[in-house]
Amino acid sequence: MLKTQPRFSSCECLSINLSYIEYLNLLTPKSLSSVKRIKCMITTLKIINSILILIAVTMGLKQGWAMFSGSRKMIEMFSKWDFSVTGLKVLGVLTLCSALMILFSKTFVYGNVLMASTILLIIGFHLNEGNLKGVLIELPFFLLNLIIIYLKYPLPFKNAS
């Protein structure tokens, strides 16, 4: 004889305060394993996204600080594009701010868009001078920000009121 689990209507589910996933667990034993797989996939994606965010923030802080402090390599690269030292410092501050904005849920998308736009600016300068190697070096970092935006902020958003 088949053992059946009780089925609840959506009203009963709301009245006993079950989440949608817990409600799915009550349906069949097969759905229990599929729900666990979905939860595992979501958790894995959040972990991957968190790692990608840490990489983007680390690279943004490193490159932003190199621009702001006026490292020799950055001055050489940007002087080809007629950037002054002051312009390089401003771009460095923008990069530093965008890296820090990525860490917070309310400014997550803005930080990623700002960082992607600074990378796109550098890609444009490389294309203008015909340096495809420079474009290929910058392209993964540009795509990294777009992927992070697509995967969304990994931590639960808490509105601090």
Protein backbone atom coordinates (compact mmCIF):
# COMPACT_ATOMS: atom_id res chain seq x y z
CA MET A 1 0.00 0.00 0.00
CA LEU A 2 1.33 3.39 -0.95
CA LYS A 3 2.01 5.78 1.83
CA THR A 4 0.70 9.22 0.93
CA GLN A 5 1.58 12.45 2.60
CA PRO A 6 -1.12 14.97 3.42
CA ARG A 7 -1.72 17.64 0.82
CA PHE A 8 -2.62 21.15 1.85
CA SER A 9 -4.36 23.83 -0.08
CA SER A 10 -2.54 27.12 -0.51
CA CYS A 11 -4.79 28.75 2.11
CA GLU A 12 -3.95 26.10 4.69
CA CYS A 13 -0.27 26.48 3.87
CA LEU A 14 -0.42 30.19 4.49
CA SER A 15 -2.30 29.69 7.71
CA ILE A 16 0.33 27.38 9.18
CA ASN A 17 3.07 29.73 7.99
CA LEU A 18 5.08 27.41 5.71
CA SER A 19 7.41 28.76 3.07
CA TYR A 20 6.94 27.76 -0.54
CA ILE A 21 9.91 25.38 -0.44
CA GLU A 22 8.57 23.67 2.68
CA TYR A 23 5.21 23.40 0.96
CA LEU A 24 6.90 21.66 -1.97
CA ASN A 25 8.49 19.24 0.46
CA LEU A 26 5.02 18.08 1.51
CA LEU A 27 3.99 17.12 -2.00
CA THR A 28 5.96 13.95 -2.77
CA PRO A 29 9.19 12.28 -1.72
CA LYS A 30 10.57 12.89 -5.24
CA SER A 31 10.02 16.62 -4.92
CA LEU A 32 12.04 16.56 -1.70
CA SER A 33 15.17 15.46 -3.55
CA SER A 34 14.61 17.93 -6.39
CA VAL A 35 14.08 20.80 -3.95
CA LYS A 36 17.30 19.84 -2.16
CA ARG A 37 19.10 19.85 -5.50
CA ILE A 38 17.72 23.30 -6.31
CA LYS A 39 18.75 24.63 -2.89
CA CYS A 40 22.23 23.17 -3.41
CA MET A 41 22.51 24.76 -6.87
CA ILE A 42 21.41 28.15 -5.51
CA THR A 43 23.93 27.92 -2.68
CA THR A 44 26.68 26.96 -5.12
CA LEU A 45 25.85 29.91 -7.38
CA LYS A 46 25.93 32.27 -4.40
CA ILE A 47 29.34 30.96 -3.37
CA ILE A 48 30.68 31.33 -6.93
CA ASN A 49 29.24 34.84 -7.14
CA SER A 50 30.80 35.78 -3.80
CA ILE A 51 34.20 34.60 -5.05
CA LEU A 52 33.76 36.58 -8.28
CA ILE A 53 32.81 39.67 -6.26
CA LEU A 54 35.91 39.31 -4.09
CA ILE A 55 38.08 39.02 -7.22
CA ALA A 56 36.47 42.11 -8.79
CA VAL A 57 36.77 44.15 -5.58
CA THR A 58 40.39 43.10 -5.04
CA MET A 59 41.33 43.97 -8.61
CA GLY A 60 39.44 47.26 -8.40
CA LEU A 61 41.17 48.27 -5.18
CA LYS A 62 44.58 47.24 -6.52
CA GLN A 63 44.23 49.05 -9.85
CA GLY A 64 42.48 52.04 -8.30
CA TRP A 65 45.25 52.48 -5.76
CA ALA A 66 47.89 52.12 -8.48
CA MET A 67 46.14 54.86 -10.46
CA PHE A 68 45.64 57.13 -7.45
CA SER A 69 49.18 56.75 -6.12
CA GLY A 70 50.59 57.31 -9.62
CA SER A 71 52.56 54.12 -10.16
CA ARG A 72 55.07 54.30 -12.97
CA LYS A 73 53.31 51.65 -15.11
CA MET A 74 49.97 53.44 -14.86
CA ILE A 75 51.49 56.81 -15.72
CA GLU A 76 53.24 55.29 -18.75
CA MET A 77 50.07 53.60 -19.99
CA PHE A 78 47.76 56.58 -19.48
CA SER A 79 50.25 59.16 -20.76
CA LYS A 80 49.93 57.53 -24.19
CA TRP A 81 46.29 58.61 -24.09
CA ASP A 82 47.11 62.17 -22.96
CA PHE A 83 45.92 61.67 -19.37
CA SER A 84 47.40 64.09 -16.87
CA VAL A 85 48.47 62.93 -13.43
CA THR A 86 45.38 64.64 -12.01
CA GLY A 87 43.11 62.84 -14.49
CA LEU A 88 44.74 59.56 -13.55
CA LYS A 89 44.12 60.29 -9.84
CA VAL A 90 40.45 61.06 -10.55
CA LEU A 91 40.08 57.79 -12.48
CA GLY A 92 41.81 56.01 -9.58
CA VAL A 93 39.34 57.49 -7.07
CA LEU A 94 36.43 56.42 -9.32
CA THR A 95 37.82 52.90 -9.49
CA LEU A 96 38.36 52.75 -5.73
CA CYS A 97 34.83 54.03 -5.07
CA SER A 98 33.29 51.58 -7.50
CA ALA A 99 35.14 48.68 -5.88
CA LEU A 100 33.85 49.68 -2.46
CA MET A 101 30.31 50.25 -3.77
CA ILE A 102 30.17 46.63 -4.98
CA LEU A 103 30.38 45.42 -1.39
CA PHE A 104 27.07 46.99 -0.32
CA SER A 105 23.69 45.75 -1.52
CA LYS A 106 22.16 49.17 -2.12
CA THR A 107 25.05 50.32 -4.34
CA PHE A 108 25.96 46.90 -5.79
CA VAL A 109 24.69 47.53 -9.33
CA TYR A 110 25.95 51.13 -9.42
CA GLY A 111 29.44 50.01 -8.36
CA ASN A 112 29.55 47.30 -11.00
CA VAL A 113 28.32 49.65 -13.73
CA LEU A 114 30.86 52.30 -12.71
CA MET A 115 33.71 49.79 -12.70
CA ALA A 116 32.58 48.29 -16.01
CA SER A 117 32.43 51.78 -17.54
CA THR A 118 35.98 52.62 -16.45
CA ILE A 119 37.16 49.32 -17.94
CA LEU A 120 35.19 50.09 -21.11
CA LEU A 121 36.95 53.48 -21.27
CA ILE A 122 40.32 51.74 -21.16
CA ILE A 123 39.15 49.22 -23.80
CA GLY A 124 38.12 52.13 -26.01
CA PHE A 125 41.55 53.73 -25.67
CA HIS A 126 43.22 50.42 -26.55
CA LEU A 127 40.97 50.07 -29.60
CA ASN A 128 41.70 53.64 -30.66
CA GLU A 129 45.42 52.90 -30.80
CA GLY A 130 44.84 49.47 -32.41
CA ASN A 131 46.13 47.48 -29.44
CA LEU A 132 44.06 44.29 -29.60
CA LYS A 133 46.27 42.59 -27.01
CA GLY A 134 45.33 45.29 -24.49
CA VAL A 135 41.65 44.84 -25.35
CA LEU A 136 41.89 41.08 -24.81
CA ILE A 137 43.54 41.67 -21.43
CA GLU A 138 40.79 44.06 -20.26
CA LEU A 139 37.83 42.17 -21.72
CA PRO A 140 37.58 39.43 -19.02
CA PHE A 141 37.44 42.07 -16.29
CA PHE A 142 34.68 43.91 -18.16
CA LEU A 143 32.71 40.67 -18.57
CA LEU A 144 33.32 39.82 -14.90
CA ASN A 145 31.35 42.88 -13.82
CA LEU A 146 28.50 42.03 -16.19
CA ILE A 147 28.37 38.44 -14.91
CA ILE A 148 28.32 39.67 -11.31
CA ILE A 149 25.41 41.99 -12.11
CA TYR A 150 23.55 39.10 -13.75
CA LEU A 151 24.07 36.81 -10.73
CA LYS A 152 22.84 39.57 -8.36
CA TYR A 153 23.94 40.38 -4.83
CA PRO A 154 24.55 37.06 -3.03
CA LEU A 155 23.70 38.04 0.54
CA PRO A 156 20.15 38.58 1.79
CA PHE A 157 19.19 42.24 1.69
CA LYS A 158 18.26 43.72 5.04
CA ASN A 159 16.75 47.19 4.99
CA ALA A 160 18.28 49.12 7.87
CA SER A 161 15.50 51.46 8.96
